PDB file of N, CA and C in Angstrom:
ATOM      1  N   GLN A   1      12.311  -5.013  16.354  1.00  0.00           N
ATOM      2  CA  GLN A   1      10.977  -4.461  16.434  1.00  0.00           C
ATOM      3  C   GLN A   1      10.506  -4.081  15.028  1.00  0.00           C
ATOM      4  N   VAL A   2       9.449  -4.728  14.574  1.00  0.00           N
ATOM      5  CA  VAL A   2       8.907  -4.450  13.257  1.00  0.00           C
ATOM      6  C   VAL A   2       8.258  -3.073  13.257  1.00  0.00           C
ATOM      7  N   GLN A   3       8.591  -2.290  12.247  1.00  0.00           N
ATOM      8  CA  GLN A   3       8.014  -0.965  12.116  1.00  0.00           C
ATOM      9  C   GLN A   3       7.702  -0.683  10.656  1.00  0.00           C
ATOM     10  N   LEU A   4       6.511  -0.169  10.412  1.00  0.00           N
ATOM     11  CA  LEU A   4       6.065   0.214   9.082  1.00  0.00           C
ATOM     12  C   LEU A   4       5.522   1.634   9.166  1.00  0.00           C
ATOM     13  N   VAL A   5       6.049   2.510   8.332  1.00  0.00           N
ATOM     14  CA  VAL A   5       5.654   3.913   8.366  1.00  0.00           C
ATOM     15  C   VAL A   5       5.228   4.346   6.979  1.00  0.00           C
ATOM     16  N   GLU A   6       3.932   4.636   6.830  1.00  0.00           N
ATOM     17  CA  GLU A   6       3.393   5.082   5.553  1.00  0.00           C
ATOM     18  C   GLU A   6       3.530   6.591   5.405  1.00  0.00           C
ATOM     19  N   SER A   7       3.606   7.033   4.163  1.00  0.00           N
ATOM     20  CA  SER A   7       3.618   8.452   3.861  1.00  0.00           C
ATOM     21  C   SER A   7       3.117   8.657   2.440  1.00  0.00           C
ATOM     22  N   GLY A   8       2.795   9.897   2.118  1.00  0.00           N
ATOM     23  CA  GLY A   8       2.394  10.240   0.772  1.00  0.00           C
ATOM     24  C   GLY A   8       0.918  10.499   0.575  1.00  0.00           C
ATOM     25  N   GLY A   9       0.120  10.285   1.597  1.00  0.00           N
ATOM     26  CA  GLY A   9      -1.297  10.540   1.474  1.00  0.00           C
ATOM     27  C   GLY A   9      -1.596  12.025   1.416  1.00  0.00           C
ATOM     28  N   GLY A  10      -2.825  12.345   1.044  1.00  0.00           N
ATOM     29  CA  GLY A  10      -3.225  13.731   0.956  1.00  0.00           C
ATOM     30  C   GLY A  10      -4.486  13.886   0.147  1.00  0.00           C
ATOM     31  N   LEU A  11      -4.750  15.117  -0.247  1.00  0.00           N
ATOM     32  CA  LEU A  11      -5.922  15.453  -1.041  1.00  0.00           C
ATOM     33  C   LEU A  11      -5.538  15.551  -2.504  1.00  0.00           C
ATOM     34  N   VAL A  12      -6.303  14.881  -3.350  1.00  0.00           N
ATOM     35  CA  VAL A  12      -6.039  14.899  -4.781  1.00  0.00           C
ATOM     36  C   VAL A  12      -7.366  14.968  -5.524  1.00  0.00           C
ATOM     37  N   GLN A  13      -7.361  15.601  -6.680  1.00  0.00           N
ATOM     38  CA  GLN A  13      -8.571  15.710  -7.486  1.00  0.00           C
ATOM     39  C   GLN A  13      -8.844  14.420  -8.249  1.00  0.00           C
ATOM     40  N   PRO A  14     -10.107  14.152  -8.555  1.00  0.00           N
ATOM     41  CA  PRO A  14     -10.407  12.983  -9.385  1.00  0.00           C
ATOM     42  C   PRO A  14      -9.610  13.008 -10.680  1.00  0.00           C
ATOM     43  N   GLY A  15      -9.087  11.848 -11.049  1.00  0.00           N
ATOM     44  CA  GLY A  15      -8.248  11.749 -12.227  1.00  0.00           C
ATOM     45  C   GLY A  15      -6.783  12.003 -11.966  1.00  0.00           C
ATOM     46  N   GLY A  16      -6.463  12.454 -10.773  1.00  0.00           N
ATOM     47  CA  GLY A  16      -5.092  12.742 -10.422  1.00  0.00           C
ATOM     48  C   GLY A  16      -4.325  11.521  -9.977  1.00  0.00           C
ATOM     49  N   SER A  17      -3.091  11.754  -9.555  1.00  0.00           N
ATOM     50  CA  SER A  17      -2.196  10.677  -9.150  1.00  0.00           C
ATOM     51  C   SER A  17      -1.567  10.966  -7.806  1.00  0.00           C
ATOM     52  N   LEU A  18      -1.163   9.897  -7.149  1.00  0.00           N
ATOM     53  CA  LEU A  18      -0.515   9.993  -5.857  1.00  0.00           C
ATOM     54  C   LEU A  18       0.361   8.766  -5.682  1.00  0.00           C
ATOM     55  N   ARG A  19       1.492   8.929  -5.025  1.00  0.00           N
ATOM     56  CA  ARG A  19       2.350   7.790  -4.728  1.00  0.00           C
ATOM     57  C   ARG A  19       2.542   7.656  -3.235  1.00  0.00           C
ATOM     58  N   LEU A  20       2.160   6.509  -2.710  1.00  0.00           N
ATOM     59  CA  LEU A  20       2.351   6.206  -1.305  1.00  0.00           C
ATOM     60  C   LEU A  20       3.655   5.452  -1.107  1.00  0.00           C
ATOM     61  N   SER A  21       4.288   5.686   0.032  1.00  0.00           N
ATOM     62  CA  SER A  21       5.513   4.988   0.383  1.00  0.00           C
ATOM     63  C   SER A  21       5.359   4.349   1.748  1.00  0.00           C
ATOM     64  N   CYS A  22       6.050   3.244   1.940  1.00  0.00           N
ATOM     65  CA  CYS A  22       6.069   2.561   3.221  1.00  0.00           C
ATOM     66  C   CYS A  22       7.505   2.197   3.543  1.00  0.00           C
ATOM     67  N   ALA A  23       8.037   2.805   4.581  1.00  0.00           N
ATOM     68  CA  ALA A  23       9.389   2.514   5.038  1.00  0.00           C
ATOM     69  C   ALA A  23       9.338   1.427   6.095  1.00  0.00           C
ATOM     70  N   ALA A  24      10.076   0.350   5.871  1.00  0.00           N
ATOM     71  CA  ALA A  24      10.026  -0.818   6.743  1.00  0.00           C
ATOM     72  C   ALA A  24      11.347  -1.023   7.472  1.00  0.00           C
ATOM     73  N   SER A  25      11.247  -1.579   8.676  1.00  0.00           N
ATOM     74  CA  SER A  25      12.436  -1.905   9.450  1.00  0.00           C
ATOM     75  C   SER A  25      12.093  -2.974  10.475  1.00  0.00           C
ATOM     76  N   GLY A  26      13.118  -3.640  10.994  1.00  0.00           N
ATOM     77  CA  GLY A  26      12.929  -4.599  12.061  1.00  0.00           C
ATOM     78  C   GLY A  26      12.689  -6.031  11.616  1.00  0.00           C
ATOM     79  N   PHE A  27      12.816  -6.303  10.339  1.00  0.00           N
ATOM     80  CA  PHE A  27      12.652  -7.658   9.825  1.00  0.00           C
ATOM     81  C   PHE A  27      13.381  -7.774   8.500  1.00  0.00           C
ATOM     82  N   THR A  28      13.435  -8.996   7.975  1.00  0.00           N
ATOM     83  CA  THR A  28      14.119  -9.228   6.711  1.00  0.00           C
ATOM     84  C   THR A  28      13.183  -8.848   5.570  1.00  0.00           C
ATOM     85  N   PHE A  29      13.266  -7.606   5.170  1.00  0.00           N
ATOM     86  CA  PHE A  29      12.345  -7.048   4.188  1.00  0.00           C
ATOM     87  C   PHE A  29      12.382  -7.794   2.860  1.00  0.00           C
ATOM     88  N   GLY A  30      13.572  -8.135   2.412  1.00  0.00           N
ATOM     89  CA  GLY A  30      13.748  -8.689   1.078  1.00  0.00           C
ATOM     90  C   GLY A  30      13.065 -10.014   0.816  1.00  0.00           C
ATOM     91  N   ILE A  31      12.681 -10.744   1.841  1.00  0.00           N
ATOM     92  CA  ILE A  31      12.023 -12.029   1.655  1.00  0.00           C
ATOM     93  C   ILE A  31      10.593 -12.020   2.176  1.00  0.00           C
ATOM     94  N   SER A  32      10.089 -10.853   2.508  1.00  0.00           N
ATOM     95  CA  SER A  32       8.750 -10.743   3.056  1.00  0.00           C
ATOM     96  C   SER A  32       7.769 -10.206   2.026  1.00  0.00           C
ATOM     97  N   VAL A  33       6.581 -10.803   1.989  1.00  0.00           N
ATOM     98  CA  VAL A  33       5.510 -10.290   1.144  1.00  0.00           C
ATOM     99  C   VAL A  33       4.997  -8.980   1.736  1.00  0.00           C
ATOM    100  N   MET A  34       4.877  -7.978   0.896  1.00  0.00           N
ATOM    101  CA  MET A  34       4.387  -6.677   1.327  1.00  0.00           C
ATOM    102  C   MET A  34       3.066  -6.374   0.637  1.00  0.00           C
ATOM    103  N   SER A  35       2.190  -5.691   1.363  1.00  0.00           N
ATOM    104  CA  SER A  35       0.855  -5.423   0.842  1.00  0.00           C
ATOM    105  C   SER A  35       0.392  -4.027   1.222  1.00  0.00           C
ATOM    106  N   TRP A  36      -0.573  -3.550   0.460  1.00  0.00           N
ATOM    107  CA  TRP A  36      -1.313  -2.347   0.796  1.00  0.00           C
ATOM    108  C   TRP A  36      -2.776  -2.710   0.976  1.00  0.00           C
ATOM    109  N   TYR A  37      -3.350  -2.256   2.070  1.00  0.00           N
ATOM    110  CA  TYR A  37      -4.769  -2.389   2.338  1.00  0.00           C
ATOM    111  C   TYR A  37      -5.369  -0.998   2.470  1.00  0.00           C
ATOM    112  N   ARG A  38      -6.678  -0.938   2.392  1.00  0.00           N
ATOM    113  CA  ARG A  38      -7.348   0.335   2.636  1.00  0.00           C
ATOM    114  C   ARG A  38      -8.674   0.096   3.337  1.00  0.00           C
ATOM    115  N   GLN A  39      -9.107   1.110   4.051  1.00  0.00           N
ATOM    116  CA  GLN A  39     -10.377   1.046   4.736  1.00  0.00           C
ATOM    117  C   GLN A  39     -11.076   2.390   4.630  1.00  0.00           C
ATOM    118  N   ALA A  40     -12.241   2.377   4.023  1.00  0.00           N
ATOM    119  CA  ALA A  40     -13.067   3.565   3.905  1.00  0.00           C
ATOM    120  C   ALA A  40     -14.046   3.607   5.071  1.00  0.00           C
ATOM    121  N   PRO A  41     -14.556   4.786   5.400  1.00  0.00           N
ATOM    122  CA  PRO A  41     -15.508   4.890   6.506  1.00  0.00           C
ATOM    123  C   PRO A  41     -16.706   3.963   6.322  1.00  0.00           C
ATOM    124  N   GLY A  42     -17.012   3.184   7.347  1.00  0.00           N
ATOM    125  CA  GLY A  42     -18.151   2.290   7.305  1.00  0.00           C
ATOM    126  C   GLY A  42     -17.958   1.026   6.490  1.00  0.00           C
ATOM    127  N   LYS A  43     -16.768   0.796   6.002  1.00  0.00           N
ATOM    128  CA  LYS A  43     -16.498  -0.383   5.187  1.00  0.00           C
ATOM    129  C   LYS A  43     -15.406  -1.240   5.806  1.00  0.00           C
ATOM    130  N   GLU A  44     -15.365  -2.501   5.396  1.00  0.00           N
ATOM    131  CA  GLU A  44     -14.332  -3.401   5.868  1.00  0.00           C
ATOM    132  C   GLU A  44     -13.005  -3.105   5.179  1.00  0.00           C
ATOM    133  N   ARG A  45     -11.938  -3.433   5.870  1.00  0.00           N
ATOM    134  CA  ARG A  45     -10.618  -3.307   5.279  1.00  0.00           C
ATOM    135  C   ARG A  45     -10.492  -4.268   4.107  1.00  0.00           C
ATOM    136  N   GLU A  46      -9.895  -3.806   3.026  1.00  0.00           N
ATOM    137  CA  GLU A  46      -9.739  -4.641   1.851  1.00  0.00           C
ATOM    138  C   GLU A  46      -8.314  -4.592   1.326  1.00  0.00           C
ATOM    139  N   LEU A  47      -7.902  -5.697   0.754  1.00  0.00           N
ATOM    140  CA  LEU A  47      -6.591  -5.768   0.125  1.00  0.00           C
ATOM    141  C   LEU A  47      -6.613  -4.979  -1.172  1.00  0.00           C
ATOM    142  N   VAL A  48      -5.634  -4.106  -1.336  1.00  0.00           N
ATOM    143  CA  VAL A  48      -5.496  -3.317  -2.550  1.00  0.00           C
ATOM    144  C   VAL A  48      -4.487  -3.953  -3.494  1.00  0.00           C
ATOM    145  N   ALA A  49      -3.313  -4.274  -2.971  1.00  0.00           N
ATOM    146  CA  ALA A  49      -2.250  -4.841  -3.787  1.00  0.00           C
ATOM    147  C   ALA A  49      -1.250  -5.551  -2.904  1.00  0.00           C
ATOM    148  N   ALA A  50      -0.570  -6.534  -3.475  1.00  0.00           N
ATOM    149  CA  ALA A  50       0.464  -7.264  -2.766  1.00  0.00           C
ATOM    150  C   ALA A  50       1.598  -7.569  -3.726  1.00  0.00           C
ATOM    151  N   ILE A  51       2.785  -7.686  -3.170  1.00  0.00           N
ATOM    152  CA  ILE A  51       3.948  -7.989  -3.989  1.00  0.00           C
ATOM    153  C   ILE A  51       4.868  -8.941  -3.242  1.00  0.00           C
ATOM    154  N   ALA A  52       5.315  -9.966  -3.936  1.00  0.00           N
ATOM    155  CA  ALA A  52       6.257 -10.919  -3.382  1.00  0.00           C
ATOM    156  C   ALA A  52       7.681 -10.432  -3.603  1.00  0.00           C
ATOM    157  N   SER A  53       8.625 -11.168  -3.081  1.00  0.00           N
ATOM    158  CA  SER A  53      10.033 -10.853  -3.272  1.00  0.00           C
ATOM    159  C   SER A  53      10.796 -12.118  -3.563  1.00  0.00           C
ATOM    160  N   PRO A  54      11.598 -12.131  -4.608  1.00  0.00           N
ATOM    161  CA  PRO A  54      11.879 -11.019  -5.513  1.00  0.00           C
ATOM    162  C   PRO A  54      10.630 -10.508  -6.221  1.00  0.00           C
ATOM    163  N   GLY A  55      10.705  -9.334  -6.757  1.00  0.00           N
ATOM    164  CA  GLY A  55       9.584  -8.722  -7.420  1.00  0.00           C
ATOM    165  C   GLY A  55       9.170  -9.464  -8.676  1.00  0.00           C
ATOM    166  N   GLY A  56       8.023  -9.036  -9.215  1.00  0.00           N
ATOM    167  CA  GLY A  56       7.505  -9.641 -10.423  1.00  0.00           C
ATOM    168  C   GLY A  56       6.185 -10.352 -10.232  1.00  0.00           C
ATOM    169  N   ILE A  57       5.910 -10.783  -9.016  1.00  0.00           N
ATOM    170  CA  ILE A  57       4.646 -11.432  -8.711  1.00  0.00           C
ATOM    171  C   ILE A  57       3.806 -10.457  -7.893  1.00  0.00           C
ATOM    172  N   THR A  58       2.700 -10.026  -8.464  1.00  0.00           N
ATOM    173  CA  THR A  58       1.841  -9.053  -7.806  1.00  0.00           C
ATOM    174  C   THR A  58       0.396  -9.501  -7.848  1.00  0.00           C
ATOM    175  N   ASN A  59      -0.401  -8.906  -6.977  1.00  0.00           N
ATOM    176  CA  ASN A  59      -1.821  -9.186  -6.915  1.00  0.00           C
ATOM    177  C   ASN A  59      -2.550  -7.882  -6.636  1.00  0.00           C
ATOM    178  N   TYR A  60      -3.664  -7.653  -7.354  1.00  0.00           N
ATOM    179  CA  TYR A  60      -4.421  -6.418  -7.214  1.00  0.00           C
ATOM    180  C   TYR A  60      -5.894  -6.706  -7.052  1.00  0.00           C
ATOM    181  N   ALA A  61      -6.545  -5.841  -6.295  1.00  0.00           N
ATOM    182  CA  ALA A  61      -7.994  -5.875  -6.261  1.00  0.00           C
ATOM    183  C   ALA A  61      -8.534  -5.488  -7.627  1.00  0.00           C
ATOM    184  N   ASP A  62      -9.657  -6.087  -8.004  1.00  0.00           N
ATOM    185  CA  ASP A  62     -10.235  -5.789  -9.310  1.00  0.00           C
ATOM    186  C   ASP A  62     -10.521  -4.298  -9.487  1.00  0.00           C
ATOM    187  N   SER A  63     -10.874  -3.636  -8.416  1.00  0.00           N
ATOM    188  CA  SER A  63     -11.252  -2.239  -8.492  1.00  0.00           C
ATOM    189  C   SER A  63     -10.100  -1.302  -8.832  1.00  0.00           C
ATOM    190  N   VAL A  64      -8.869  -1.772  -8.682  1.00  0.00           N
ATOM    191  CA  VAL A  64      -7.717  -0.903  -8.929  1.00  0.00           C
ATOM    192  C   VAL A  64      -6.834  -1.387 -10.065  1.00  0.00           C
ATOM    193  N   LYS A  65      -7.132  -2.525 -10.639  1.00  0.00           N
ATOM    194  CA  LYS A  65      -6.318  -3.048 -11.731  1.00  0.00           C
ATOM    195  C   LYS A  65      -6.267  -2.065 -12.892  1.00  0.00           C
ATOM    196  N   GLY A  66      -5.072  -1.860 -13.397  1.00  0.00           N
ATOM    197  CA  GLY A  66      -4.884  -0.930 -14.490  1.00  0.00           C
ATOM    198  C   GLY A  66      -4.675   0.498 -14.052  1.00  0.00           C
ATOM    199  N   ARG A  67      -4.930   0.784 -12.775  1.00  0.00           N
ATOM    200  CA  ARG A  67      -4.760   2.142 -12.263  1.00  0.00           C
ATOM    201  C   ARG A  67      -3.660   2.244 -11.208  1.00  0.00           C
ATOM    202  N   PHE A  68      -3.530   1.212 -10.382  1.00  0.00           N
ATOM    203  CA  PHE A  68      -2.544   1.213  -9.304  1.00  0.00           C
ATOM    204  C   PHE A  68      -1.404   0.262  -9.639  1.00  0.00           C
ATOM    205  N   THR A  69      -0.219   0.590  -9.160  1.00  0.00           N
ATOM    206  CA  THR A  69       0.946  -0.263  -9.338  1.00  0.00           C
ATOM    207  C   THR A  69       1.717  -0.349  -8.032  1.00  0.00           C
ATOM    208  N   ILE A  70       1.936  -1.567  -7.559  1.00  0.00           N
ATOM    209  CA  ILE A  70       2.746  -1.775  -6.371  1.00  0.00           C
ATOM    210  C   ILE A  70       4.164  -2.137  -6.809  1.00  0.00           C
ATOM    211  N   SER A  71       5.135  -1.627  -6.089  1.00  0.00           N
ATOM    212  CA  SER A  71       6.528  -1.926  -6.387  1.00  0.00           C
ATOM    213  C   SER A  71       7.330  -1.897  -5.092  1.00  0.00           C
ATOM    214  N   ARG A  72       8.543  -2.398  -5.155  1.00  0.00           N
ATOM    215  CA  ARG A  72       9.382  -2.394  -3.961  1.00  0.00           C
ATOM    216  C   ARG A  72      10.821  -2.135  -4.336  1.00  0.00           C
ATOM    217  N   ASP A  73      11.536  -1.522  -3.416  1.00  0.00           N
ATOM    218  CA  ASP A  73      12.954  -1.250  -3.548  1.00  0.00           C
ATOM    219  C   ASP A  73      13.621  -1.905  -2.354  1.00  0.00           C
ATOM    220  N   ASN A  74      14.102  -3.121  -2.545  1.00  0.00           N
ATOM    221  CA  ASN A  74      14.627  -3.884  -1.416  1.00  0.00           C
ATOM    222  C   ASN A  74      15.836  -3.237  -0.736  1.00  0.00           C
ATOM    223  N   PRO A  75      16.797  -2.678  -1.495  1.00  0.00           N
ATOM    224  CA  PRO A  75      17.909  -2.009  -0.806  1.00  0.00           C
ATOM    225  C   PRO A  75      17.471  -0.860   0.086  1.00  0.00           C
ATOM    226  N   LYS A  76      16.339  -0.239  -0.229  1.00  0.00           N
ATOM    227  CA  LYS A  76      15.828   0.867   0.570  1.00  0.00           C
ATOM    228  C   LYS A  76      14.775   0.435   1.576  1.00  0.00           C
ATOM    229  N   ASN A  77      14.453  -0.853   1.599  1.00  0.00           N
ATOM    230  CA  ASN A  77      13.422  -1.384   2.505  1.00  0.00           C
ATOM    231  C   ASN A  77      12.128  -0.581   2.394  1.00  0.00           C
ATOM    232  N   THR A  78      11.708  -0.342   1.169  1.00  0.00           N
ATOM    233  CA  THR A  78      10.544   0.500   0.928  1.00  0.00           C
ATOM    234  C   THR A  78       9.633  -0.133  -0.115  1.00  0.00           C
ATOM    235  N   VAL A  79       8.339  -0.048   0.134  1.00  0.00           N
ATOM    236  CA  VAL A  79       7.342  -0.481  -0.830  1.00  0.00           C
ATOM    237  C   VAL A  79       6.506   0.730  -1.216  1.00  0.00           C
ATOM    238  N   TYR A  80       6.098   0.784  -2.479  1.00  0.00           N
ATOM    239  CA  TYR A  80       5.359   1.917  -3.005  1.00  0.00           C
ATOM    240  C   TYR A  80       4.015   1.484  -3.566  1.00  0.00           C
ATOM    241  N   LEU A  81       3.107   2.428  -3.612  1.00  0.00           N
ATOM    242  CA  LEU A  81       1.851   2.239  -4.316  1.00  0.00           C
ATOM    243  C   LEU A  81       1.618   3.472  -5.174  1.00  0.00           C
ATOM    244  N   GLN A  82       1.794   3.318  -6.479  1.00  0.00           N
ATOM    245  CA  GLN A  82       1.520   4.389  -7.416  1.00  0.00           C
ATOM    246  C   GLN A  82       0.056   4.323  -7.802  1.00  0.00           C
ATOM    247  N   MET A  83      -0.664   5.391  -7.553  1.00  0.00           N
ATOM    248  CA  MET A  83      -2.094   5.441  -7.800  1.00  0.00           C
ATOM    249  C   MET A  83      -2.381   6.481  -8.873  1.00  0.00           C
ATOM    250  N   ASN A  84      -2.934   6.035  -9.983  1.00  0.00           N
ATOM    251  CA  ASN A  84      -3.287   6.908 -11.087  1.00  0.00           C
ATOM    252  C   ASN A  84      -4.787   6.864 -11.328  1.00  0.00           C
ATOM    253  N   SER A  85      -5.273   7.846 -12.061  1.00  0.00           N
ATOM    254  CA  SER A  85      -6.696   7.919 -12.403  1.00  0.00           C
ATOM    255  C   SER A  85      -7.571   7.735 -11.172  1.00  0.00           C
ATOM    256  N   LEU A  86      -7.253   8.453 -10.134  1.00  0.00           N
ATOM    257  CA  LEU A  86      -7.947   8.284  -8.866  1.00  0.00           C
ATOM    258  C   LEU A  86      -9.410   8.694  -8.953  1.00  0.00           C
ATOM    259  N   LYS A  87     -10.228   7.954  -8.224  1.00  0.00           N
ATOM    260  CA  LYS A  87     -11.662   8.173  -8.173  1.00  0.00           C
ATOM    261  C   LYS A  87     -12.081   8.497  -6.749  1.00  0.00           C
ATOM    262  N   PRO A  88     -13.207   9.179  -6.579  1.00  0.00           N
ATOM    263  CA  PRO A  88     -13.676   9.457  -5.217  1.00  0.00           C
ATOM    264  C   PRO A  88     -13.812   8.207  -4.358  1.00  0.00           C
ATOM    265  N   GLU A  89     -14.178   7.085  -4.958  1.00  0.00           N
ATOM    266  CA  GLU A  89     -14.328   5.855  -4.198  1.00  0.00           C
ATOM    267  C   GLU A  89     -13.002   5.265  -3.722  1.00  0.00           C
ATOM    268  N   ASP A  90     -11.891   5.831  -4.157  1.00  0.00           N
ATOM    269  CA  ASP A  90     -10.588   5.425  -3.647  1.00  0.00           C
ATOM    270  C   ASP A  90     -10.270   6.079  -2.304  1.00  0.00           C
ATOM    271  N   THR A  91     -11.093   7.009  -1.883  1.00  0.00           N
ATOM    272  CA  THR A  91     -10.877   7.681  -0.613  1.00  0.00           C
ATOM    273  C   THR A  91     -10.900   6.672   0.533  1.00  0.00           C
ATOM    274  N   ALA A  92      -9.834   6.647   1.313  1.00  0.00           N
ATOM    275  CA  ALA A  92      -9.711   5.688   2.401  1.00  0.00           C
ATOM    276  C   ALA A  92      -8.414   5.945   3.146  1.00  0.00           C
ATOM    277  N   VAL A  93      -8.275   5.281   4.281  1.00  0.00           N
ATOM    278  CA  VAL A  93      -6.987   5.208   4.943  1.00  0.00           C
ATOM    279  C   VAL A  93      -6.254   4.010   4.365  1.00  0.00           C
ATOM    280  N   TYR A  94      -5.055   4.238   3.893  1.00  0.00           N
ATOM    281  CA  TYR A  94      -4.260   3.190   3.278  1.00  0.00           C
ATOM    282  C   TYR A  94      -3.204   2.700   4.255  1.00  0.00           C
ATOM    283  N   TYR A  95      -3.146   1.384   4.422  1.00  0.00           N
ATOM    284  CA  TYR A  95      -2.241   0.762   5.375  1.00  0.00           C
ATOM    285  C   TYR A  95      -1.218  -0.116   4.670  1.00  0.00           C
ATOM    286  N   CYS A  96      -0.009  -0.038   5.123  1.00  0.00           N
ATOM    287  CA  CYS A  96       1.047  -0.925   4.682  1.00  0.00           C
ATOM    288  C   CYS A  96       1.077  -2.145   5.591  1.00  0.00           C
ATOM    289  N   SER A  97       1.298  -3.322   5.005  1.00  0.00           N
ATOM    290  CA  SER A  97       1.319  -4.550   5.774  1.00  0.00           C
ATOM    291  C   SER A  97       2.487  -5.425   5.346  1.00  0.00           C
ATOM    292  N   ALA A  98       3.053  -6.125   6.309  1.00  0.00           N
ATOM    293  CA  ALA A  98       4.161  -7.035   6.051  1.00  0.00           C
ATOM    294  C   ALA A  98       3.843  -8.418   6.597  1.00  0.00           C
ATOM    295  N   LEU A  99       4.106  -9.435   5.789  1.00  0.00           N
ATOM    296  CA  LEU A  99       4.006 -10.816   6.240  1.00  0.00           C
ATOM    297  C   LEU A  99       5.410 -11.244   6.628  1.00  0.00           C
ATOM    298  N   VAL A 100       5.632 -11.410   7.924  1.00  0.00           N
ATOM    299  CA  VAL A 100       6.953 -11.683   8.457  1.00  0.00           C
ATOM    300  C   VAL A 100       7.069 -13.148   8.849  1.00  0.00           C
ATOM    301  N   ARG A 101       8.051 -13.828   8.297  1.00  0.00           N
ATOM    302  CA  ARG A 101       8.327 -15.248   8.570  1.00  0.00           C
ATOM    303  C   ARG A 101       7.139 -16.138   8.241  1.00  0.00           C
ATOM    304  N   SER A 102       6.267 -15.669   7.386  1.00  0.00           N
ATOM    305  CA  SER A 102       5.082 -16.405   6.950  1.00  0.00           C
ATOM    306  C   SER A 102       4.146 -16.767   8.100  1.00  0.00           C
ATOM    307  N   THR A 103       4.278 -16.088   9.219  1.00  0.00           N
ATOM    308  CA  THR A 103       3.482 -16.424  10.391  1.00  0.00           C
ATOM    309  C   THR A 103       2.726 -15.258  10.998  1.00  0.00           C
ATOM    310  N   ALA A 104       3.150 -14.038  10.747  1.00  0.00           N
ATOM    311  CA  ALA A 104       2.526 -12.903  11.407  1.00  0.00           C
ATOM    312  C   ALA A 104       2.432 -11.704  10.474  1.00  0.00           C
ATOM    313  N   ASN A 105       1.297 -11.034  10.515  1.00  0.00           N
ATOM    314  CA  ASN A 105       1.101  -9.796   9.768  1.00  0.00           C
ATOM    315  C   ASN A 105       1.331  -8.599  10.670  1.00  0.00           C
ATOM    316  N   TYR A 106       2.042  -7.610  10.147  1.00  0.00           N
ATOM    317  CA  TYR A 106       2.266  -6.365  10.851  1.00  0.00           C
ATOM    318  C   TYR A 106       1.703  -5.221  10.034  1.00  0.00           C
ATOM    319  N   TRP A 107       1.284  -4.171  10.731  1.00  0.00           N
ATOM    320  CA  TRP A 107       0.583  -3.065  10.091  1.00  0.00           C
ATOM    321  C   TRP A 107       1.175  -1.730  10.478  1.00  0.00           C
ATOM    322  N   GLY A 108       1.178  -0.817   9.532  1.00  0.00           N
ATOM    323  CA  GLY A 108       1.487   0.560   9.844  1.00  0.00           C
ATOM    324  C   GLY A 108       0.260   1.259  10.388  1.00  0.00           C
ATOM    325  N   LYS A 109       0.402   2.530  10.675  1.00  0.00           N
ATOM    326  CA  LYS A 109      -0.709   3.294  11.231  1.00  0.00           C
ATOM    327  C   LYS A 109      -1.606   3.909  10.170  1.00  0.00           C
ATOM    328  N   GLY A 110      -1.175   3.873   8.931  1.00  0.00           N
ATOM    329  CA  GLY A 110      -2.009   4.317   7.835  1.00  0.00           C
ATOM    330  C   GLY A 110      -1.746   5.746   7.402  1.00  0.00           C
ATOM    331  N   THR A 111      -2.122   6.038   6.166  1.00  0.00           N
ATOM    332  CA  THR A 111      -2.061   7.387   5.629  1.00  0.00           C
ATOM    333  C   THR A 111      -3.357   7.649   4.873  1.00  0.00           C
ATOM    334  N   LEU A 112      -3.931   8.813   5.080  1.00  0.00           N
ATOM    335  CA  LEU A 112      -5.240   9.128   4.519  1.00  0.00           C
ATOM    336  C   LEU A 112      -5.121   9.667   3.103  1.00  0.00           C
ATOM    337  N   VAL A 113      -5.897   9.072   2.205  1.00  0.00           N
ATOM    338  CA  VAL A 113      -6.014   9.539   0.831  1.00  0.00           C
ATOM    339  C   VAL A 113      -7.436  10.018   0.616  1.00  0.00           C
ATOM    340  N   THR A 114      -7.576  11.260   0.205  1.00  0.00           N
ATOM    341  CA  THR A 114      -8.883  11.832  -0.069  1.00  0.00           C
ATOM    342  C   THR A 114      -8.930  12.291  -1.512  1.00  0.00           C
ATOM    343  N   VAL A 115      -9.870  11.742  -2.261  1.00  0.00           N
ATOM    344  CA  VAL A 115     -10.032  12.080  -3.673  1.00  0.00           C
ATOM    345  C   VAL A 115     -11.314  12.887  -3.807  1.00  0.00           C
ATOM    346  N   SER A 116     -11.158  14.154  -4.075  1.00  0.00           N
ATOM    347  CA  SER A 116     -12.311  15.050  -4.113  1.00  0.00           C
ATOM    348  C   SER A 116     -11.958  16.318  -4.867  1.00  0.00           C
ATOM    349  N   SER A 117     -12.983  16.940  -5.443  1.00  0.00           N
ATOM    350  CA  SER A 117     -12.805  18.227  -6.083  1.00  0.00           C
ATOM    351  C   SER A 117     -12.830  19.350  -5.071  1.00  0.00           C
TER     352      SER A 117
END
């Protein structure tokens, strides 16, 4: 049973930092592409970052390049999203996603990030 559990969301001031974590289980994590998506109120879900395995190949939305970093720890079956220089427009529910066997996407339930003074 594929399971993705996000954590690390919360309230942060503009310019601050936050690190999201996604604990994965139920599939072969080490060979699966992992991604972070986000959805703000009234907006479509968008891809934030993705990482292949082995690591080293990443993809970022233009809006977060230079500020966010995706990484993975395969022995721990965990993917991270380090978010720096946060802006109010980064406020959204952030979802972890896994591409399993190159045929199906799975999603966590999300963690809320609020960037506000």
